[in-house]
Amino acid sequence: MFTKKTGAHLFIDTNVLLNFFAYSKDDLDQLDKLLKLIHAKAIRLYLTEQVVKEFSRNRDAKLAESFAKFRVPTMPGTPSFMLNLDECKTYMKLLNTFEKSHSLLTKVAKEMAGKTRACCG
């Protein structure tokens, strides 16, 4: 029962928690708002031991699945007749920038996931 004194009581299933590591439309802003309400003690979150263990068991697999889906898409080769065009040079530079950015983003995300595992796993 929700009152101003006690706040709201909330239980989150493991699959809901794991969804935040997947390709989903779940709104991270809403999760951030929820975390702020929990820290402010406006909401009391309940997690069973089973949920905590199930989350720990499945977190790495869900992350691995998401990283596998996030791999660089295979780009078709550029036809020979386009290679000397200025637009092709621009395209190749942007493609190179994209690949470097993708690689860096993946590296940083994996490091962050590892640190989160180390402190909270």
N, C-alpha and C. Protein backbone atom coordinates (compact mmCIF):
# COMPACT_ATOMS: atom_id res chain seq x y z
N MET A 1 0.84 -1.18 0.00
CA MET A 1 0.00 0.00 0.00
C MET A 1 0.88 1.24 0.00
N PHE A 2 0.58 2.16 -0.86
CA PHE A 2 1.36 3.39 -0.98
C PHE A 2 0.80 4.47 -0.09
N THR A 3 1.67 5.05 0.69
CA THR A 3 1.33 6.26 1.44
C THR A 3 2.53 7.19 1.35
N LYS A 4 2.33 8.45 1.69
CA LYS A 4 3.45 9.38 1.65
C LYS A 4 4.54 8.95 2.62
N LYS A 5 4.14 8.31 3.74
CA LYS A 5 5.11 7.88 4.74
C LYS A 5 5.90 6.67 4.28
N THR A 6 5.22 5.69 3.70
CA THR A 6 5.89 4.44 3.35
C THR A 6 6.40 4.40 1.93
N GLY A 7 5.87 5.21 1.06
CA GLY A 7 6.26 5.17 -0.35
C GLY A 7 5.65 3.96 -1.03
N ALA A 8 6.11 3.69 -2.26
CA ALA A 8 5.59 2.57 -3.03
C ALA A 8 6.50 1.36 -2.82
N HIS A 9 5.92 0.19 -2.98
CA HIS A 9 6.66 -1.06 -2.89
C HIS A 9 6.73 -1.65 -4.29
N LEU A 10 7.94 -2.13 -4.67
CA LEU A 10 8.14 -2.59 -6.03
C LEU A 10 8.97 -3.87 -6.05
N PHE A 11 8.55 -4.81 -6.87
CA PHE A 11 9.31 -6.02 -7.15
C PHE A 11 9.59 -6.04 -8.65
N ILE A 12 10.84 -6.27 -9.03
CA ILE A 12 11.20 -6.35 -10.44
C ILE A 12 11.71 -7.76 -10.74
N ASP A 13 11.16 -8.36 -11.76
CA ASP A 13 11.54 -9.69 -12.20
C ASP A 13 12.92 -9.66 -12.87
N THR A 14 13.63 -10.76 -12.82
CA THR A 14 14.96 -10.87 -13.42
C THR A 14 14.95 -10.50 -14.90
N ASN A 15 13.96 -10.97 -15.64
CA ASN A 15 13.92 -10.70 -17.08
C ASN A 15 13.79 -9.20 -17.37
N VAL A 16 13.11 -8.49 -16.52
CA VAL A 16 12.99 -7.03 -16.69
C VAL A 16 14.37 -6.39 -16.48
N LEU A 17 15.08 -6.82 -15.47
CA LEU A 17 16.42 -6.28 -15.21
C LEU A 17 17.37 -6.61 -16.35
N LEU A 18 17.32 -7.84 -16.83
CA LEU A 18 18.22 -8.26 -17.91
C LEU A 18 17.91 -7.56 -19.23
N ASN A 19 16.68 -7.12 -19.39
CA ASN A 19 16.28 -6.44 -20.63
C ASN A 19 17.08 -5.16 -20.87
N PHE A 20 17.57 -4.54 -19.80
CA PHE A 20 18.33 -3.32 -19.95
C PHE A 20 19.71 -3.57 -20.56
N PHE A 21 20.13 -4.84 -20.65
CA PHE A 21 21.40 -5.20 -21.29
C PHE A 21 21.18 -5.66 -22.72
N ALA A 22 19.96 -5.62 -23.19
CA ALA A 22 19.63 -6.16 -24.50
C ALA A 22 19.20 -5.05 -25.45
N TYR A 23 19.00 -5.44 -26.68
CA TYR A 23 18.39 -4.53 -27.65
C TYR A 23 16.92 -4.47 -27.30
N SER A 24 16.52 -3.38 -26.74
CA SER A 24 15.11 -3.24 -26.39
C SER A 24 14.76 -1.77 -26.44
N LYS A 25 13.50 -1.50 -26.34
CA LYS A 25 13.03 -0.12 -26.35
C LYS A 25 12.83 0.39 -24.93
N ASP A 26 13.30 -0.39 -23.96
CA ASP A 26 13.16 0.04 -22.58
C ASP A 26 13.86 1.38 -22.40
N ASP A 27 13.21 2.28 -21.74
CA ASP A 27 13.67 3.65 -21.61
C ASP A 27 14.63 3.77 -20.43
N LEU A 28 15.91 4.03 -20.72
CA LEU A 28 16.90 4.15 -19.66
C LEU A 28 16.66 5.39 -18.80
N ASP A 29 16.01 6.41 -19.37
CA ASP A 29 15.67 7.58 -18.56
C ASP A 29 14.68 7.19 -17.46
N GLN A 30 13.75 6.32 -17.80
CA GLN A 30 12.78 5.87 -16.80
C GLN A 30 13.48 5.04 -15.71
N LEU A 31 14.45 4.21 -16.12
CA LEU A 31 15.22 3.44 -15.14
C LEU A 31 15.99 4.38 -14.22
N ASP A 32 16.58 5.41 -14.78
CA ASP A 32 17.31 6.39 -13.98
C ASP A 32 16.38 7.07 -12.97
N LYS A 33 15.18 7.44 -13.41
CA LYS A 33 14.19 8.04 -12.52
C LYS A 33 13.83 7.08 -11.39
N LEU A 34 13.66 5.81 -11.75
CA LEU A 34 13.33 4.79 -10.75
C LEU A 34 14.45 4.67 -9.72
N LEU A 35 15.70 4.63 -10.19
CA LEU A 35 16.84 4.53 -9.27
C LEU A 35 16.89 5.73 -8.32
N LYS A 36 16.60 6.91 -8.83
CA LYS A 36 16.59 8.11 -7.98
C LYS A 36 15.49 8.00 -6.92
N LEU A 37 14.33 7.49 -7.31
CA LEU A 37 13.24 7.32 -6.34
C LEU A 37 13.59 6.27 -5.28
N ILE A 38 14.29 5.23 -5.69
CA ILE A 38 14.72 4.20 -4.73
C ILE A 38 15.73 4.80 -3.76
N HIS A 39 16.72 5.54 -4.28
CA HIS A 39 17.73 6.16 -3.41
C HIS A 39 17.12 7.20 -2.48
N ALA A 40 16.06 7.87 -2.94
CA ALA A 40 15.38 8.86 -2.11
C ALA A 40 14.39 8.21 -1.14
N LYS A 41 14.32 6.88 -1.20
CA LYS A 41 13.42 6.08 -0.35
C LYS A 41 11.95 6.37 -0.61
N ALA A 42 11.63 6.88 -1.81
CA ALA A 42 10.24 7.08 -2.20
C ALA A 42 9.65 5.77 -2.70
N ILE A 43 10.52 4.86 -3.11
CA ILE A 43 10.11 3.52 -3.53
C ILE A 43 10.99 2.52 -2.83
N ARG A 44 10.38 1.47 -2.35
CA ARG A 44 11.13 0.38 -1.73
C ARG A 44 11.15 -0.79 -2.71
N LEU A 45 12.37 -1.16 -3.14
CA LEU A 45 12.55 -2.25 -4.11
C LEU A 45 12.80 -3.55 -3.37
N TYR A 46 12.08 -4.58 -3.79
CA TYR A 46 12.26 -5.91 -3.22
C TYR A 46 12.85 -6.83 -4.29
N LEU A 47 13.92 -7.51 -3.95
CA LEU A 47 14.50 -8.52 -4.83
C LEU A 47 14.69 -9.78 -4.00
N THR A 48 14.22 -10.88 -4.53
CA THR A 48 14.42 -12.14 -3.83
C THR A 48 15.83 -12.65 -4.11
N GLU A 49 16.28 -13.57 -3.31
CA GLU A 49 17.59 -14.18 -3.52
C GLU A 49 17.62 -14.88 -4.88
N GLN A 50 16.51 -15.47 -5.26
CA GLN A 50 16.42 -16.14 -6.56
C GLN A 50 16.64 -15.15 -7.69
N VAL A 51 16.05 -13.97 -7.61
CA VAL A 51 16.22 -12.95 -8.65
C VAL A 51 17.68 -12.52 -8.73
N VAL A 52 18.30 -12.28 -7.59
CA VAL A 52 19.70 -11.85 -7.55
C VAL A 52 20.61 -12.92 -8.17
N LYS A 53 20.40 -14.18 -7.80
CA LYS A 53 21.22 -15.26 -8.35
C LYS A 53 20.97 -15.46 -9.84
N GLU A 54 19.71 -15.40 -10.24
CA GLU A 54 19.36 -15.57 -11.65
C GLU A 54 19.96 -14.44 -12.49
N PHE A 55 19.92 -13.22 -11.95
CA PHE A 55 20.52 -12.09 -12.64
C PHE A 55 22.03 -12.30 -12.79
N SER A 56 22.69 -12.70 -11.72
CA SER A 56 24.13 -12.94 -11.77
C SER A 56 24.49 -14.03 -12.78
N ARG A 57 23.68 -15.08 -12.83
CA ARG A 57 23.94 -16.18 -13.77
C ARG A 57 23.77 -15.76 -15.22
N ASN A 58 22.80 -14.90 -15.50
CA ASN A 58 22.43 -14.61 -16.88
C ASN A 58 22.95 -13.28 -17.44
N ARG A 59 23.49 -12.45 -16.59
CA ARG A 59 23.95 -11.12 -17.01
C ARG A 59 25.00 -11.20 -18.12
N ASP A 60 26.04 -12.01 -17.90
CA ASP A 60 27.12 -12.09 -18.88
C ASP A 60 26.65 -12.64 -20.22
N ALA A 61 25.75 -13.60 -20.19
CA ALA A 61 25.21 -14.15 -21.45
C ALA A 61 24.40 -13.10 -22.19
N LYS A 62 23.62 -12.30 -21.46
CA LYS A 62 22.83 -11.25 -22.10
C LYS A 62 23.74 -10.17 -22.69
N LEU A 63 24.81 -9.82 -21.97
CA LEU A 63 25.78 -8.86 -22.50
C LEU A 63 26.45 -9.40 -23.76
N ALA A 64 26.88 -10.67 -23.71
CA ALA A 64 27.54 -11.28 -24.86
C ALA A 64 26.61 -11.30 -26.07
N GLU A 65 25.35 -11.59 -25.85
CA GLU A 65 24.35 -11.60 -26.92
C GLU A 65 24.21 -10.20 -27.54
N SER A 66 24.18 -9.19 -26.71
CA SER A 66 24.05 -7.81 -27.20
C SER A 66 25.30 -7.38 -27.96
N PHE A 67 26.49 -7.72 -27.44
CA PHE A 67 27.72 -7.37 -28.14
C PHE A 67 27.80 -8.09 -29.49
N ALA A 68 27.33 -9.32 -29.55
CA ALA A 68 27.34 -10.06 -30.81
C ALA A 68 26.44 -9.39 -31.85
N LYS A 69 25.31 -8.88 -31.41
CA LYS A 69 24.39 -8.20 -32.33
C LYS A 69 24.92 -6.83 -32.74
N PHE A 70 25.81 -6.28 -31.93
CA PHE A 70 26.33 -4.93 -32.17
C PHE A 70 27.59 -4.92 -33.03
N ARG A 71 27.94 -6.03 -33.60
CA ARG A 71 29.16 -6.08 -34.42
C ARG A 71 29.01 -5.16 -35.64
N VAL A 72 30.15 -4.78 -36.19
CA VAL A 72 30.15 -3.89 -37.35
C VAL A 72 29.46 -4.57 -38.52
N PRO A 73 28.49 -3.91 -39.11
CA PRO A 73 27.82 -4.52 -40.26
C PRO A 73 28.80 -4.65 -41.43
N THR A 74 28.66 -5.70 -42.18
CA THR A 74 29.51 -5.90 -43.34
C THR A 74 29.07 -4.95 -44.44
N MET A 75 30.01 -4.13 -44.85
CA MET A 75 29.72 -3.17 -45.91
C MET A 75 30.14 -3.78 -47.25
N PRO A 76 29.32 -3.61 -48.26
CA PRO A 76 29.73 -4.12 -49.57
C PRO A 76 30.92 -3.33 -50.09
N GLY A 77 31.73 -3.97 -50.89
CA GLY A 77 32.87 -3.28 -51.49
C GLY A 77 32.39 -2.14 -52.38
N THR A 78 33.30 -1.23 -52.65
CA THR A 78 32.95 -0.10 -53.50
C THR A 78 33.26 -0.47 -54.96
N PRO A 79 32.32 -0.29 -55.85
CA PRO A 79 32.58 -0.60 -57.26
C PRO A 79 33.75 0.24 -57.79
N SER A 80 34.55 -0.36 -58.64
CA SER A 80 35.76 0.29 -59.18
C SER A 80 35.48 1.64 -59.81
N PHE A 81 34.38 1.78 -60.52
CA PHE A 81 34.11 3.03 -61.21
C PHE A 81 33.82 4.19 -60.24
N MET A 82 33.58 3.89 -58.96
CA MET A 82 33.31 4.94 -57.97
C MET A 82 34.57 5.39 -57.25
N LEU A 83 35.62 4.61 -57.29
CA LEU A 83 36.80 4.84 -56.46
C LEU A 83 37.44 6.22 -56.64
N ASN A 84 37.41 6.79 -57.83
CA ASN A 84 38.05 8.08 -58.06
C ASN A 84 37.15 9.28 -57.80
N LEU A 85 35.92 9.04 -57.43
CA LEU A 85 35.00 10.14 -57.15
C LEU A 85 35.30 10.76 -55.78
N ASP A 86 35.19 12.07 -55.69
CA ASP A 86 35.40 12.75 -54.41
C ASP A 86 34.44 12.23 -53.34
N GLU A 87 33.22 11.95 -53.74
CA GLU A 87 32.22 11.44 -52.79
C GLU A 87 32.63 10.08 -52.24
N CYS A 88 33.32 9.30 -53.06
CA CYS A 88 33.79 7.99 -52.59
C CYS A 88 34.88 8.15 -51.55
N LYS A 89 35.75 9.12 -51.76
CA LYS A 89 36.81 9.38 -50.78
C LYS A 89 36.19 9.81 -49.45
N THR A 90 35.19 10.67 -49.52
CA THR A 90 34.48 11.09 -48.31
C THR A 90 33.81 9.89 -47.64
N TYR A 91 33.16 9.07 -48.45
CA TYR A 91 32.49 7.86 -47.95
C TYR A 91 33.50 6.96 -47.23
N MET A 92 34.66 6.74 -47.82
CA MET A 92 35.67 5.85 -47.22
C MET A 92 36.20 6.42 -45.90
N LYS A 93 36.39 7.75 -45.85
CA LYS A 93 36.85 8.39 -44.61
C LYS A 93 35.79 8.22 -43.51
N LEU A 94 34.54 8.45 -43.87
CA LEU A 94 33.45 8.31 -42.89
C LEU A 94 33.29 6.88 -42.43
N LEU A 95 33.44 5.95 -43.34
CA LEU A 95 33.36 4.54 -43.00
C LEU A 95 34.48 4.17 -42.02
N ASN A 96 35.67 4.67 -42.27
CA ASN A 96 36.79 4.42 -41.38
C ASN A 96 36.53 5.02 -39.99
N THR A 97 35.99 6.24 -39.96
CA THR A 97 35.64 6.89 -38.69
C THR A 97 34.58 6.08 -37.95
N PHE A 98 33.58 5.60 -38.68
CA PHE A 98 32.54 4.78 -38.09
C PHE A 98 33.13 3.52 -37.46
N GLU A 99 34.00 2.84 -38.19
CA GLU A 99 34.59 1.59 -37.68
C GLU A 99 35.43 1.84 -36.43
N LYS A 100 36.20 2.93 -36.42
CA LYS A 100 37.00 3.27 -35.24
C LYS A 100 36.10 3.62 -34.05
N SER A 101 35.05 4.40 -34.31
CA SER A 101 34.11 4.78 -33.24
C SER A 101 33.41 3.55 -32.68
N HIS A 102 33.00 2.66 -33.55
CA HIS A 102 32.33 1.43 -33.14
C HIS A 102 33.26 0.59 -32.26
N SER A 103 34.51 0.48 -32.68
CA SER A 103 35.49 -0.30 -31.93
C SER A 103 35.73 0.30 -30.54
N LEU A 104 35.88 1.62 -30.48
CA LEU A 104 36.10 2.29 -29.21
C LEU A 104 34.88 2.15 -28.29
N LEU A 105 33.70 2.36 -28.84
CA LEU A 105 32.47 2.21 -28.05
C LEU A 105 32.35 0.80 -27.48
N THR A 106 32.63 -0.19 -28.30
CA THR A 106 32.56 -1.58 -27.84
C THR A 106 33.58 -1.84 -26.73
N LYS A 107 34.81 -1.34 -26.92
CA LYS A 107 35.87 -1.53 -25.92
C LYS A 107 35.48 -0.90 -24.58
N VAL A 108 35.03 0.34 -24.62
CA VAL A 108 34.66 1.06 -23.40
C VAL A 108 33.48 0.38 -22.70
N ALA A 109 32.50 -0.04 -23.48
CA ALA A 109 31.32 -0.71 -22.90
C ALA A 109 31.72 -2.04 -22.24
N LYS A 110 32.62 -2.78 -22.87
CA LYS A 110 33.08 -4.05 -22.27
C LYS A 110 33.86 -3.80 -20.99
N GLU A 111 34.69 -2.76 -20.99
CA GLU A 111 35.42 -2.41 -19.76
C GLU A 111 34.47 -2.02 -18.65
N MET A 112 33.47 -1.21 -18.98
CA MET A 112 32.48 -0.79 -17.99
C MET A 112 31.70 -1.99 -17.46
N ALA A 113 31.32 -2.90 -18.33
CA ALA A 113 30.59 -4.10 -17.90
C ALA A 113 31.45 -4.95 -16.98
N GLY A 114 32.75 -5.02 -17.27
CA GLY A 114 33.66 -5.77 -16.41
C GLY A 114 33.82 -5.14 -15.04
N LYS A 115 33.90 -3.81 -15.00
CA LYS A 115 34.02 -3.11 -13.71
C LYS A 115 32.75 -3.27 -12.91
N THR A 116 31.61 -3.21 -13.58
CA THR A 116 30.33 -3.38 -12.89
C THR A 116 30.25 -4.79 -12.31
N ARG A 117 30.73 -5.77 -13.07
CA ARG A 117 30.74 -7.17 -12.60
C ARG A 117 31.64 -7.29 -11.38
N ALA A 118 32.82 -6.65 -11.43
CA ALA A 118 33.80 -6.76 -10.35
C ALA A 118 33.28 -6.16 -9.04
N CYS A 119 32.56 -5.05 -9.14
CA CYS A 119 32.11 -4.40 -7.90
C CYS A 119 30.75 -4.89 -7.43
N CYS A 120 29.96 -5.40 -8.35
CA CYS A 120 28.57 -5.69 -8.00
C CYS A 120 28.15 -7.11 -8.31
N GLY A 121 29.00 -7.94 -8.85
CA GLY A 121 28.59 -9.25 -9.35
C GLY A 121 28.42 -10.27 -8.36
